[in-house]
């Protein structure tokens, strides 16, 4: 289950550094009217996720492909660096973004940290 690998040491973290990149937990809204990242929110169980929406429908992987493009653009990395690790068919997903973990964490903190409202 995707919930088994959510970060627990730091409940406010929607992302953590891993070897060779960063793991990012995200809640996707397909057919959301626009392609955007709407910040960070707490799920009902208290876990933190980045909120994202894409215009694409959740059919034939089009919403997931649009999500990969959106995250790559936001983090100034290549689309091929963004992989959906779990939650392929659900709204809550775990992504892995390959690259320098320090640079990616810095970009995430600057762009999506809850205190940056």
PDB file of N, CA and C in Angstrom:
ATOM      1  N   UNK A   1       0.826  -1.191   0.000  1.00  0.00           N
ATOM      2  CA  UNK A   1       0.000   0.000   0.000  1.00  0.00           C
ATOM      3  C   UNK A   1       0.868   1.252   0.000  1.00  0.00           C
ATOM      4  N   UNK A   2       0.453   2.308  -0.668  1.00  0.00           N
ATOM      5  CA  UNK A   2       1.264   3.511  -0.700  1.00  0.00           C
ATOM      6  C   UNK A   2       1.420   4.162   0.663  1.00  0.00           C
ATOM      7  N   UNK A   3       0.477   3.921   1.577  1.00  0.00           N
ATOM      8  CA  UNK A   3       0.571   4.562   2.891  1.00  0.00           C
ATOM      9  C   UNK A   3       1.712   3.992   3.715  1.00  0.00           C
ATOM     10  N   UNK A   4       2.111   2.764   3.440  1.00  0.00           N
ATOM     11  CA  UNK A   4       3.149   2.126   4.225  1.00  0.00           C
ATOM     12  C   UNK A   4       4.491   2.820   4.110  1.00  0.00           C
ATOM     13  N   UNK A   5       4.725   3.537   3.016  1.00  0.00           N
ATOM     14  CA  UNK A   5       6.029   4.149   2.841  1.00  0.00           C
ATOM     15  C   UNK A   5       5.979   5.678   2.937  1.00  0.00           C
ATOM     16  N   UNK A   6       4.928   6.210   3.548  1.00  0.00           N
ATOM     17  CA  UNK A   6       4.892   7.651   3.790  1.00  0.00           C
ATOM     18  C   UNK A   6       5.839   7.990   4.931  1.00  0.00           C
ATOM     19  N   UNK A   7       6.403   9.188   4.926  1.00  0.00           N
ATOM     20  CA  UNK A   7       7.343   9.544   5.985  1.00  0.00           C
ATOM     21  C   UNK A   7       6.639   9.607   7.333  1.00  0.00           C
ATOM     22  N   UNK A   8       7.271   9.042   8.345  1.00  0.00           N
ATOM     23  CA  UNK A   8       6.660   9.084   9.666  1.00  0.00           C
ATOM     24  C   UNK A   8       7.529   9.820  10.670  1.00  0.00           C
ATOM     25  N   UNK A   9       8.833   9.911  10.441  1.00  0.00           N
ATOM     26  CA  UNK A   9       9.724  10.569  11.386  1.00  0.00           C
ATOM     27  C   UNK A   9       9.419  12.062  11.480  1.00  0.00           C
ATOM     28  N   UNK A  10       9.015  12.653  10.389  1.00  0.00           N
ATOM     29  CA  UNK A  10       8.724  14.078  10.357  1.00  0.00           C
ATOM     30  C   UNK A  10       7.346  14.256   9.725  1.00  0.00           C
ATOM     31  N   UNK A  11       6.267  14.302  10.549  1.00  0.00           N
ATOM     32  CA  UNK A  11       4.920  14.274  10.006  1.00  0.00           C
ATOM     33  C   UNK A  11       4.590  15.415   9.057  1.00  0.00           C
ATOM     34  N   UNK A  12       5.304  16.536   9.136  1.00  0.00           N
ATOM     35  CA  UNK A  12       4.996  17.667   8.274  1.00  0.00           C
ATOM     36  C   UNK A  12       5.665  17.555   6.910  1.00  0.00           C
ATOM     37  N   UNK A  13       6.401  16.472   6.674  1.00  0.00           N
ATOM     38  CA  UNK A  13       7.168  16.359   5.429  1.00  0.00           C
ATOM     39  C   UNK A  13       6.347  15.689   4.335  1.00  0.00           C
ATOM     40  N   UNK A  14       6.164  16.396   3.222  1.00  0.00           N
ATOM     41  CA  UNK A  14       5.532  15.796   2.050  1.00  0.00           C
ATOM     42  C   UNK A  14       6.615  15.265   1.115  1.00  0.00           C
ATOM     43  N   UNK A  15       7.885  15.461   1.477  1.00  0.00           N
ATOM     44  CA  UNK A  15       9.000  14.967   0.677  1.00  0.00           C
ATOM     45  C   UNK A  15      10.183  14.665   1.578  1.00  0.00           C
ATOM     46  N   UNK A  16      11.017  13.709   1.126  1.00  0.00           N
ATOM     47  CA  UNK A  16      12.236  13.374   1.853  1.00  0.00           C
ATOM     48  C   UNK A  16      13.327  13.038   0.843  1.00  0.00           C
ATOM     49  N   UNK A  17      14.552  13.278   1.246  1.00  0.00           N
ATOM     50  CA  UNK A  17      15.698  12.919   0.407  1.00  0.00           C
ATOM     51  C   UNK A  17      15.885  11.405   0.441  1.00  0.00           C
ATOM     52  N   UNK A  18      16.205  10.848  -0.704  1.00  0.00           N
ATOM     53  CA  UNK A  18      16.542   9.442  -0.815  1.00  0.00           C
ATOM     54  C   UNK A  18      17.807   9.352  -1.651  1.00  0.00           C
ATOM     55  N   UNK A  19      18.382   8.197  -1.709  1.00  0.00           N
ATOM     56  CA  UNK A  19      19.579   8.006  -2.495  1.00  0.00           C
ATOM     57  C   UNK A  19      19.282   8.307  -3.967  1.00  0.00           C
ATOM     58  N   UNK A  20      19.969   9.293  -4.520  1.00  0.00           N
ATOM     59  CA  UNK A  20      19.817   9.621  -5.932  1.00  0.00           C
ATOM     60  C   UNK A  20      18.650  10.517  -6.275  1.00  0.00           C
ATOM     61  N   UNK A  21      17.970  11.059  -5.254  1.00  0.00           N
ATOM     62  CA  UNK A  21      16.844  11.939  -5.555  1.00  0.00           C
ATOM     63  C   UNK A  21      15.977  12.215  -4.347  1.00  0.00           C
ATOM     64  N   UNK A  22      14.685  12.461  -4.617  1.00  0.00           N
ATOM     65  CA  UNK A  22      13.742  12.838  -3.570  1.00  0.00           C
ATOM     66  C   UNK A  22      12.439  12.073  -3.782  1.00  0.00           C
ATOM     67  N   UNK A  23      11.870  11.595  -2.674  1.00  0.00           N
ATOM     68  CA  UNK A  23      10.522  11.009  -2.701  1.00  0.00           C
ATOM     69  C   UNK A  23       9.542  12.125  -2.366  1.00  0.00           C
ATOM     70  N   UNK A  24       8.447  12.168  -3.109  1.00  0.00           N
ATOM     71  CA  UNK A  24       7.438  13.222  -2.943  1.00  0.00           C
ATOM     72  C   UNK A  24       6.062  12.574  -2.909  1.00  0.00           C
ATOM     73  N   UNK A  25       5.284  12.902  -1.877  1.00  0.00           N
ATOM     74  CA  UNK A  25       3.917  12.406  -1.781  1.00  0.00           C
ATOM     75  C   UNK A  25       2.997  13.516  -2.243  1.00  0.00           C
ATOM     76  N   UNK A  26       2.012  13.138  -3.051  1.00  0.00           N
ATOM     77  CA  UNK A  26       1.221  14.128  -3.762  1.00  0.00           C
ATOM     78  C   UNK A  26      -0.224  13.653  -3.884  1.00  0.00           C
ATOM     79  N   UNK A  27      -1.152  14.609  -3.844  1.00  0.00           N
ATOM     80  CA  UNK A  27      -2.569  14.316  -4.117  1.00  0.00           C
ATOM     81  C   UNK A  27      -2.931  15.017  -5.419  1.00  0.00           C
ATOM     82  N   UNK A  28      -3.326  14.227  -6.408  1.00  0.00           N
ATOM     83  CA  UNK A  28      -3.613  14.751  -7.737  1.00  0.00           C
ATOM     84  C   UNK A  28      -5.116  14.858  -7.979  1.00  0.00           C
ATOM     85  N   UNK A  29      -5.532  15.991  -8.544  1.00  0.00           N
ATOM     86  CA  UNK A  29      -6.904  16.174  -8.997  1.00  0.00           C
ATOM     87  C   UNK A  29      -6.882  16.258 -10.520  1.00  0.00           C
ATOM     88  N   UNK A  30      -7.312  15.188 -11.194  1.00  0.00           N
ATOM     89  CA  UNK A  30      -7.400  15.257 -12.657  1.00  0.00           C
ATOM     90  C   UNK A  30      -8.628  16.069 -13.058  1.00  0.00           C
ATOM     91  N   UNK A  31      -8.653  16.541 -14.297  1.00  0.00           N
ATOM     92  CA  UNK A  31      -9.735  17.388 -14.790  1.00  0.00           C
ATOM     93  C   UNK A  31      -9.966  18.562 -13.837  1.00  0.00           C
ATOM     94  N   UNK A  32      -8.844  19.137 -13.355  1.00  0.00           N
ATOM     95  CA  UNK A  32      -8.898  20.189 -12.359  1.00  0.00           C
ATOM     96  C   UNK A  32      -9.017  21.593 -12.923  1.00  0.00           C
ATOM     97  N   UNK A  33      -9.229  21.729 -14.227  1.00  0.00           N
ATOM     98  CA  UNK A  33      -9.441  23.041 -14.828  1.00  0.00           C
ATOM     99  C   UNK A  33      -8.182  23.762 -15.255  1.00  0.00           C
ATOM    100  N   UNK A  34      -7.055  23.422 -14.627  1.00  0.00           N
ATOM    101  CA  UNK A  34      -5.780  24.040 -14.976  1.00  0.00           C
ATOM    102  C   UNK A  34      -4.662  23.137 -14.465  1.00  0.00           C
ATOM    103  N   UNK A  35      -3.470  23.359 -14.989  1.00  0.00           N
ATOM    104  CA  UNK A  35      -2.297  22.633 -14.498  1.00  0.00           C
ATOM    105  C   UNK A  35      -1.637  23.518 -13.448  1.00  0.00           C
ATOM    106  N   UNK A  36      -1.648  23.074 -12.192  1.00  0.00           N
ATOM    107  CA  UNK A  36      -1.110  23.911 -11.116  1.00  0.00           C
ATOM    108  C   UNK A  36      -0.753  23.072  -9.902  1.00  0.00           C
ATOM    109  N   UNK A  37       0.157  23.615  -9.127  1.00  0.00           N
ATOM    110  CA  UNK A  37       0.481  23.055  -7.826  1.00  0.00           C
ATOM    111  C   UNK A  37      -0.060  24.037  -6.801  1.00  0.00           C
ATOM    112  N   UNK A  38      -0.915  23.517  -5.916  1.00  0.00           N
ATOM    113  CA  UNK A  38      -1.663  24.368  -4.999  1.00  0.00           C
ATOM    114  C   UNK A  38      -1.130  24.361  -3.574  1.00  0.00           C
ATOM    115  N   UNK A  39       0.103  23.953  -3.377  1.00  0.00           N
ATOM    116  CA  UNK A  39       0.684  23.980  -2.036  1.00  0.00           C
ATOM    117  C   UNK A  39       0.671  22.626  -1.366  1.00  0.00           C
ATOM    118  N   UNK A  40       0.686  22.660  -0.046  1.00  0.00           N
ATOM    119  CA  UNK A  40       0.767  21.449   0.771  1.00  0.00           C
ATOM    120  C   UNK A  40      -0.476  21.386   1.647  1.00  0.00           C
ATOM    121  N   UNK A  41      -1.004  20.170   1.824  1.00  0.00           N
ATOM    122  CA  UNK A  41      -2.160  20.000   2.706  1.00  0.00           C
ATOM    123  C   UNK A  41      -1.989  18.749   3.532  1.00  0.00           C
ATOM    124  N   UNK A  42      -2.723  18.704   4.635  1.00  0.00           N
ATOM    125  CA  UNK A  42      -2.751  17.519   5.478  1.00  0.00           C
ATOM    126  C   UNK A  42      -3.930  16.654   5.060  1.00  0.00           C
ATOM    127  N   UNK A  43      -3.682  15.368   4.919  1.00  0.00           N
ATOM    128  CA  UNK A  43      -4.764  14.428   4.665  1.00  0.00           C
ATOM    129  C   UNK A  43      -5.513  14.182   5.976  1.00  0.00           C
ATOM    130  N   UNK A  44      -6.620  13.485   5.908  1.00  0.00           N
ATOM    131  CA  UNK A  44      -7.434  13.222   7.094  1.00  0.00           C
ATOM    132  C   UNK A  44      -6.647  12.511   8.197  1.00  0.00           C
ATOM    133  N   UNK A  45      -5.660  11.698   7.808  1.00  0.00           N
ATOM    134  CA  UNK A  45      -4.864  10.977   8.808  1.00  0.00           C
ATOM    135  C   UNK A  45      -3.656  11.779   9.286  1.00  0.00           C
ATOM    136  N   UNK A  46      -3.550  13.040   8.854  1.00  0.00           N
ATOM    137  CA  UNK A  46      -2.472  13.905   9.315  1.00  0.00           C
ATOM    138  C   UNK A  46      -1.230  13.903   8.446  1.00  0.00           C
ATOM    139  N   UNK A  47      -1.157  13.028   7.484  1.00  0.00           N
ATOM    140  CA  UNK A  47       0.002  12.991   6.594  1.00  0.00           C
ATOM    141  C   UNK A  47      -0.048  14.171   5.637  1.00  0.00           C
ATOM    142  N   UNK A  48       1.124  14.669   5.272  1.00  0.00           N
ATOM    143  CA  UNK A  48       1.226  15.828   4.402  1.00  0.00           C
ATOM    144  C   UNK A  48       1.476  15.389   2.961  1.00  0.00           C
ATOM    145  N   UNK A  49       0.833  16.095   2.031  1.00  0.00           N
ATOM    146  CA  UNK A  49       1.010  15.847   0.602  1.00  0.00           C
ATOM    147  C   UNK A  49       1.025  17.184  -0.127  1.00  0.00           C
ATOM    148  N   UNK A  50       1.675  17.208  -1.264  1.00  0.00           N
ATOM    149  CA  UNK A  50       1.603  18.358  -2.159  1.00  0.00           C
ATOM    150  C   UNK A  50       0.310  18.202  -2.945  1.00  0.00           C
ATOM    151  N   UNK A  51      -0.454  19.293  -3.079  1.00  0.00           N
ATOM    152  CA  UNK A  51      -1.695  19.264  -3.861  1.00  0.00           C
ATOM    153  C   UNK A  51      -1.376  19.720  -5.279  1.00  0.00           C
ATOM    154  N   UNK A  52      -1.826  18.936  -6.247  1.00  0.00           N
ATOM    155  CA  UNK A  52      -1.623  19.304  -7.650  1.00  0.00           C
ATOM    156  C   UNK A  52      -2.902  19.020  -8.415  1.00  0.00           C
ATOM    157  N   UNK A  53      -3.086  19.774  -9.495  1.00  0.00           N
ATOM    158  CA  UNK A  53      -4.219  19.554 -10.391  1.00  0.00           C
ATOM    159  C   UNK A  53      -3.731  19.647 -11.819  1.00  0.00           C
ATOM    160  N   UNK A  54      -4.361  18.862 -12.674  1.00  0.00           N
ATOM    161  CA  UNK A  54      -4.051  18.908 -14.102  1.00  0.00           C
ATOM    162  C   UNK A  54      -5.363  18.947 -14.871  1.00  0.00           C
ATOM    163  N   UNK A  55      -5.311  19.506 -16.073  1.00  0.00           N
ATOM    164  CA  UNK A  55      -6.503  19.551 -16.932  1.00  0.00           C
ATOM    165  C   UNK A  55      -6.840  18.193 -17.510  1.00  0.00           C
ATOM    166  N   UNK A  56      -5.846  17.343 -17.670  1.00  0.00           N
ATOM    167  CA  UNK A  56      -6.027  16.049 -18.329  1.00  0.00           C
ATOM    168  C   UNK A  56      -6.970  15.144 -17.538  1.00  0.00           C
ATOM    169  N   UNK A  57      -7.739  14.311 -18.243  1.00  0.00           N
ATOM    170  CA  UNK A  57      -8.615  13.355 -17.571  1.00  0.00           C
ATOM    171  C   UNK A  57      -7.807  12.155 -17.070  1.00  0.00           C
ATOM    172  N   UNK A  58      -8.368  11.423 -16.111  1.00  0.00           N
ATOM    173  CA  UNK A  58      -7.660  10.256 -15.569  1.00  0.00           C
ATOM    174  C   UNK A  58      -7.859   9.015 -16.440  1.00  0.00           C
ATOM    175  N   UNK A  59      -7.581   9.150 -17.715  1.00  0.00           N
ATOM    176  CA  UNK A  59      -7.785   8.048 -18.651  1.00  0.00           C
ATOM    177  C   UNK A  59      -6.500   7.765 -19.416  1.00  0.00           C
ATOM    178  N   UNK A  60      -6.176   6.501 -19.545  1.00  0.00           N
ATOM    179  CA  UNK A  60      -5.021   6.061 -20.340  1.00  0.00           C
ATOM    180  C   UNK A  60      -3.709   6.714 -19.917  1.00  0.00           C
ATOM    181  N   UNK A  61      -3.583   7.060 -18.645  1.00  0.00           N
ATOM    182  CA  UNK A  61      -2.339   7.630 -18.141  1.00  0.00           C
ATOM    183  C   UNK A  61      -2.098   9.089 -18.490  1.00  0.00           C
ATOM    184  N   UNK A  62      -3.089   9.769 -19.081  1.00  0.00           N
ATOM    185  CA  UNK A  62      -2.863  11.157 -19.497  1.00  0.00           C
ATOM    186  C   UNK A  62      -2.695  12.100 -18.308  1.00  0.00           C
ATOM    187  N   UNK A  63      -3.439  11.883 -17.227  1.00  0.00           N
ATOM    188  CA  UNK A  63      -3.288  12.746 -16.048  1.00  0.00           C
ATOM    189  C   UNK A  63      -1.915  12.531 -15.410  1.00  0.00           C
ATOM    190  N   UNK A  64      -1.462  11.282 -15.345  1.00  0.00           N
ATOM    191  CA  UNK A  64      -0.137  11.002 -14.782  1.00  0.00           C
ATOM    192  C   UNK A  64       0.962  11.623 -15.629  1.00  0.00           C
ATOM    193  N   UNK A  65       0.818  11.558 -16.946  1.00  0.00           N
ATOM    194  CA  UNK A  65       1.817  12.170 -17.833  1.00  0.00           C
ATOM    195  C   UNK A  65       1.847  13.682 -17.638  1.00  0.00           C
ATOM    196  N   UNK A  66       0.673  14.289 -17.512  1.00  0.00           N
ATOM    197  CA  UNK A  66       0.611  15.734 -17.278  1.00  0.00           C
ATOM    198  C   UNK A  66       1.214  16.090 -15.924  1.00  0.00           C
ATOM    199  N   UNK A  67       1.005  15.243 -14.932  1.00  0.00           N
ATOM    200  CA  UNK A  67       1.591  15.466 -13.608  1.00  0.00           C
ATOM    201  C   UNK A  67       3.112  15.435 -13.679  1.00  0.00           C
ATOM    202  N   UNK A  68       3.663  14.475 -14.387  1.00  0.00           N
ATOM    203  CA  UNK A  68       5.121  14.377 -14.518  1.00  0.00           C
ATOM    204  C   UNK A  68       5.696  15.639 -15.160  1.00  0.00           C
ATOM    205  N   UNK A  69       5.013  16.152 -16.181  1.00  0.00           N
ATOM    206  CA  UNK A  69       5.457  17.392 -16.833  1.00  0.00           C
ATOM    207  C   UNK A  69       5.374  18.559 -15.856  1.00  0.00           C
ATOM    208  N   UNK A  70       4.275  18.649 -15.123  1.00  0.00           N
ATOM    209  CA  UNK A  70       4.080  19.739 -14.164  1.00  0.00           C
ATOM    210  C   UNK A  70       5.164  19.744 -13.086  1.00  0.00           C
ATOM    211  N   UNK A  71       5.450  18.596 -12.509  1.00  0.00           N
ATOM    212  CA  UNK A  71       6.466  18.507 -11.453  1.00  0.00           C
ATOM    213  C   UNK A  71       7.851  18.785 -12.021  1.00  0.00           C
ATOM    214  N   UNK A  72       8.150  18.253 -13.186  1.00  0.00           N
ATOM    215  CA  UNK A  72       9.461  18.496 -13.796  1.00  0.00           C
ATOM    216  C   UNK A  72       9.670  19.980 -14.056  1.00  0.00           C
ATOM    217  N   UNK A  73       8.657  20.639 -14.560  1.00  0.00           N
ATOM    218  CA  UNK A  73       8.763  22.073 -14.838  1.00  0.00           C
ATOM    219  C   UNK A  73       8.943  22.862 -13.539  1.00  0.00           C
ATOM    220  N   UNK A  74       8.181  22.513 -12.515  1.00  0.00           N
ATOM    221  CA  UNK A  74       8.262  23.223 -11.233  1.00  0.00           C
ATOM    222  C   UNK A  74       9.640  23.077 -10.588  1.00  0.00           C
ATOM    223  N   UNK A  75      10.258  21.913 -10.756  1.00  0.00           N
ATOM    224  CA  UNK A  75      11.554  21.654 -10.130  1.00  0.00           C
ATOM    225  C   UNK A  75      12.721  21.859 -11.091  1.00  0.00           C
ATOM    226  N   UNK A  76      12.419  22.346 -12.289  1.00  0.00           N
ATOM    227  CA  UNK A  76      13.445  22.616 -13.297  1.00  0.00           C
ATOM    228  C   UNK A  76      14.329  21.396 -13.534  1.00  0.00           C
ATOM    229  N   UNK A  77      13.656  20.292 -13.837  1.00  0.00           N
ATOM    230  CA  UNK A  77      14.352  19.053 -14.141  1.00  0.00           C
ATOM    231  C   UNK A  77      13.672  18.419 -15.357  1.00  0.00           C
ATOM    232  N   UNK A  78      14.216  17.336 -15.839  1.00  0.00           N
ATOM    233  CA  UNK A  78      13.644  16.684 -17.013  1.00  0.00           C
ATOM    234  C   UNK A  78      12.461  15.805 -16.620  1.00  0.00           C
ATOM    235  N   UNK A  79      11.493  15.705 -17.518  1.00  0.00           N
ATOM    236  CA  UNK A  79      10.315  14.867 -17.269  1.00  0.00           C
ATOM    237  C   UNK A  79      10.728  13.428 -16.991  1.00  0.00           C
ATOM    238  N   UNK A  80      11.773  12.966 -17.656  1.00  0.00           N
ATOM    239  CA  UNK A  80      12.228  11.586 -17.459  1.00  0.00           C
ATOM    240  C   UNK A  80      12.780  11.349 -16.055  1.00  0.00           C
ATOM    241  N   UNK A  81      13.056  12.414 -15.307  1.00  0.00           N
ATOM    242  CA  UNK A  81      13.548  12.293 -13.936  1.00  0.00           C
ATOM    243  C   UNK A  81      12.424  12.039 -12.938  1.00  0.00           C
ATOM    244  N   UNK A  82      11.175  12.240 -13.363  1.00  0.00           N
ATOM    245  CA  UNK A  82      10.017  12.105 -12.474  1.00  0.00           C
ATOM    246  C   UNK A  82       9.329  10.767 -12.744  1.00  0.00           C
ATOM    247  N   UNK A  83       9.273   9.928 -11.715  1.00  0.00           N
ATOM    248  CA  UNK A  83       8.682   8.602 -11.829  1.00  0.00           C
ATOM    249  C   UNK A  83       7.580   8.449 -10.790  1.00  0.00           C
ATOM    250  N   UNK A  84       6.474   7.834 -11.177  1.00  0.00           N
ATOM    251  CA  UNK A  84       5.422   7.512 -10.215  1.00  0.00           C
ATOM    252  C   UNK A  84       5.751   6.144  -9.634  1.00  0.00           C
ATOM    253  N   UNK A  85       6.048   6.121  -8.335  1.00  0.00           N
ATOM    254  CA  UNK A  85       6.469   4.897  -7.669  1.00  0.00           C
ATOM    255  C   UNK A  85       5.263   4.081  -7.211  1.00  0.00           C
ATOM    256  N   UNK A  86       4.249   4.765  -6.672  1.00  0.00           N
ATOM    257  CA  UNK A  86       3.035   4.079  -6.242  1.00  0.00           C
ATOM    258  C   UNK A  86       1.850   5.020  -6.384  1.00  0.00           C
ATOM    259  N   UNK A  87       0.664   4.437  -6.450  1.00  0.00           N
ATOM    260  CA  UNK A  87      -0.546   5.228  -6.596  1.00  0.00           C
ATOM    261  C   UNK A  87      -0.873   5.573  -8.036  1.00  0.00           C
ATOM    262  N   UNK A  88      -0.375   4.797  -8.966  1.00  0.00           N
ATOM    263  CA  UNK A  88      -0.562   5.063 -10.392  1.00  0.00           C
ATOM    264  C   UNK A  88      -2.029   5.319 -10.753  1.00  0.00           C
ATOM    265  N   UNK A  89      -2.947   4.572 -10.147  1.00  0.00           N
ATOM    266  CA  UNK A  89      -4.364   4.729 -10.487  1.00  0.00           C
ATOM    267  C   UNK A  89      -5.160   5.455  -9.404  1.00  0.00           C
ATOM    268  N   UNK A  90      -4.499   5.881  -8.337  1.00  0.00           N
ATOM    269  CA  UNK A  90      -5.192   6.595  -7.263  1.00  0.00           C
ATOM    270  C   UNK A  90      -4.875   8.075  -7.291  1.00  0.00           C
ATOM    271  N   UNK A  91      -5.530   8.802  -6.419  1.00  0.00           N
ATOM    272  CA  UNK A  91      -5.268  10.244  -6.329  1.00  0.00           C
ATOM    273  C   UNK A  91      -4.000  10.550  -5.531  1.00  0.00           C
ATOM    274  N   UNK A  92      -3.731   9.757  -4.498  1.00  0.00           N
ATOM    275  CA  UNK A  92      -2.525   9.968  -3.694  1.00  0.00           C
ATOM    276  C   UNK A  92      -1.418   9.110  -4.278  1.00  0.00           C
ATOM    277  N   UNK A  93      -0.307   9.763  -4.585  1.00  0.00           N
ATOM    278  CA  UNK A  93       0.790   9.103  -5.285  1.00  0.00           C
ATOM    279  C   UNK A  93       2.113   9.359  -4.576  1.00  0.00           C
ATOM    280  N   UNK A  94       3.021   8.437  -4.737  1.00  0.00           N
ATOM    281  CA  UNK A  94       4.404   8.652  -4.325  1.00  0.00           C
ATOM    282  C   UNK A  94       5.210   8.787  -5.604  1.00  0.00           C
ATOM    283  N   UNK A  95       5.925   9.903  -5.717  1.00  0.00           N
ATOM    284  CA  UNK A  95       6.792  10.138  -6.862  1.00  0.00           C
ATOM    285  C   UNK A  95       8.240  10.035  -6.418  1.00  0.00           C
ATOM    286  N   UNK A  96       9.099   9.721  -7.359  1.00  0.00           N
ATOM    287  CA  UNK A  96      10.537   9.816  -7.136  1.00  0.00           C
ATOM    288  C   UNK A  96      11.090  10.750  -8.195  1.00  0.00           C
ATOM    289  N   UNK A  97      11.813  11.772  -7.742  1.00  0.00           N
ATOM    290  CA  UNK A  97      12.437  12.713  -8.661  1.00  0.00           C
ATOM    291  C   UNK A  97      13.933  12.475  -8.573  1.00  0.00           C
ATOM    292  N   UNK A  98      14.520  11.969  -9.647  1.00  0.00           N
ATOM    293  CA  UNK A  98      15.949  11.677  -9.681  1.00  0.00           C
ATOM    294  C   UNK A  98      16.729  12.968  -9.841  1.00  0.00           C
ATOM    295  N   UNK A  99      17.853  13.042  -9.157  1.00  0.00           N
ATOM    296  CA  UNK A  99      18.710  14.220  -9.241  1.00  0.00           C
ATOM    297  C   UNK A  99      19.418  14.456  -7.921  1.00  0.00           C
ATOM    298  N   UNK A 100      20.034  15.611  -7.815  1.00  0.00           N
ATOM    299  CA  UNK A 100      20.751  15.980  -6.602  1.00  0.00           C
ATOM    300  C   UNK A 100      19.740  16.237  -5.483  1.00  0.00           C
ATOM    301  N   UNK A 101      19.719  15.382  -4.447  1.00  0.00           N
ATOM    302  CA  UNK A 101      18.721  15.548  -3.397  1.00  0.00           C
ATOM    303  C   UNK A 101      18.756  16.931  -2.732  1.00  0.00           C
ATOM    304  N   UNK A 102      19.945  17.473  -2.512  1.00  0.00           N
ATOM    305  CA  UNK A 102      20.047  18.783  -1.854  1.00  0.00           C
ATOM    306  C   UNK A 102      19.386  19.875  -2.703  1.00  0.00           C
ATOM    307  N   UNK A 103      19.635  19.860  -4.010  1.00  0.00           N
ATOM    308  CA  UNK A 103      19.034  20.872  -4.890  1.00  0.00           C
ATOM    309  C   UNK A 103      17.519  20.716  -4.947  1.00  0.00           C
ATOM    310  N   UNK A 104      17.060  19.465  -5.063  1.00  0.00           N
ATOM    311  CA  UNK A 104      15.627  19.216  -5.151  1.00  0.00           C
ATOM    312  C   UNK A 104      14.908  19.582  -3.858  1.00  0.00           C
ATOM    313  N   UNK A 105      15.485  19.228  -2.715  1.00  0.00           N
ATOM    314  CA  UNK A 105      14.882  19.580  -1.419  1.00  0.00           C
ATOM    315  C   UNK A 105      14.823  21.092  -1.273  1.00  0.00           C
ATOM    316  N   UNK A 106      15.887  21.776  -1.666  1.00  0.00           N
ATOM    317  CA  UNK A 106      15.893  23.237  -1.600  1.00  0.00           C
ATOM    318  C   UNK A 106      14.781  23.821  -2.472  1.00  0.00           C
ATOM    319  N   UNK A 107      14.642  23.305  -3.689  1.00  0.00           N
ATOM    320  CA  UNK A 107      13.589  23.791  -4.597  1.00  0.00           C
ATOM    321  C   UNK A 107      12.205  23.515  -4.020  1.00  0.00           C
ATOM    322  N   UNK A 108      12.008  22.346  -3.449  1.00  0.00           N
ATOM    323  CA  UNK A 108      10.718  22.018  -2.839  1.00  0.00           C
ATOM    324  C   UNK A 108      10.431  22.919  -1.644  1.00  0.00           C
ATOM    325  N   UNK A 109      11.433  23.112  -0.795  1.00  0.00           N
ATOM    326  CA  UNK A 109      11.237  23.973   0.372  1.00  0.00           C
ATOM    327  C   UNK A 109      10.900  25.398  -0.044  1.00  0.00           C
ATOM    328  N   UNK A 110      11.583  25.912  -1.044  1.00  0.00           N
ATOM    329  CA  UNK A 110      11.325  27.278  -1.491  1.00  0.00           C
ATOM    330  C   UNK A 110       9.960  27.425  -2.136  1.00  0.00           C
ATOM    331  N   UNK A 111       9.550  26.431  -2.896  1.00  0.00           N
ATOM    332  CA  UNK A 111       8.333  26.568  -3.675  1.00  0.00           C
ATOM    333  C   UNK A 111       7.067  26.112  -2.967  1.00  0.00           C
ATOM    334  N   UNK A 112       7.165  25.009  -2.209  1.00  0.00           N
ATOM    335  CA  UNK A 112       5.958  24.376  -1.695  1.00  0.00           C
ATOM    336  C   UNK A 112       5.845  24.273  -0.184  1.00  0.00           C
ATOM    337  N   UNK A 113       6.841  24.722   0.548  1.00  0.00           N
ATOM    338  CA  UNK A 113       6.785  24.585   1.999  1.00  0.00           C
ATOM    339  C   UNK A 113       5.536  25.258   2.544  1.00  0.00           C
ATOM    340  N   UNK A 114       4.882  24.643   3.541  1.00  0.00           N
ATOM    341  CA  UNK A 114       3.637  25.192   4.071  1.00  0.00           C
ATOM    342  C   UNK A 114       3.770  26.616   4.601  1.00  0.00           C
ATOM    343  N   UNK A 115       4.939  26.996   5.066  1.00  0.00           N
ATOM    344  CA  UNK A 115       5.118  28.339   5.629  1.00  0.00           C
ATOM    345  C   UNK A 115       5.307  29.400   4.572  1.00  0.00           C
ATOM    346  N   UNK A 116       5.394  29.010   3.295  1.00  0.00           N
ATOM    347  CA  UNK A 116       5.619  29.976   2.234  1.00  0.00           C
ATOM    348  C   UNK A 116       4.328  30.526   1.663  1.00  0.00           C
ATOM    349  N   UNK A 117       3.152  30.065   2.194  1.00  0.00           N
ATOM    350  CA  UNK A 117       1.829  30.467   1.778  1.00  0.00           C
ATOM    351  C   UNK A 117       1.798  31.517   0.841  1.00  0.00           C
TER     352      UNK A 117
END
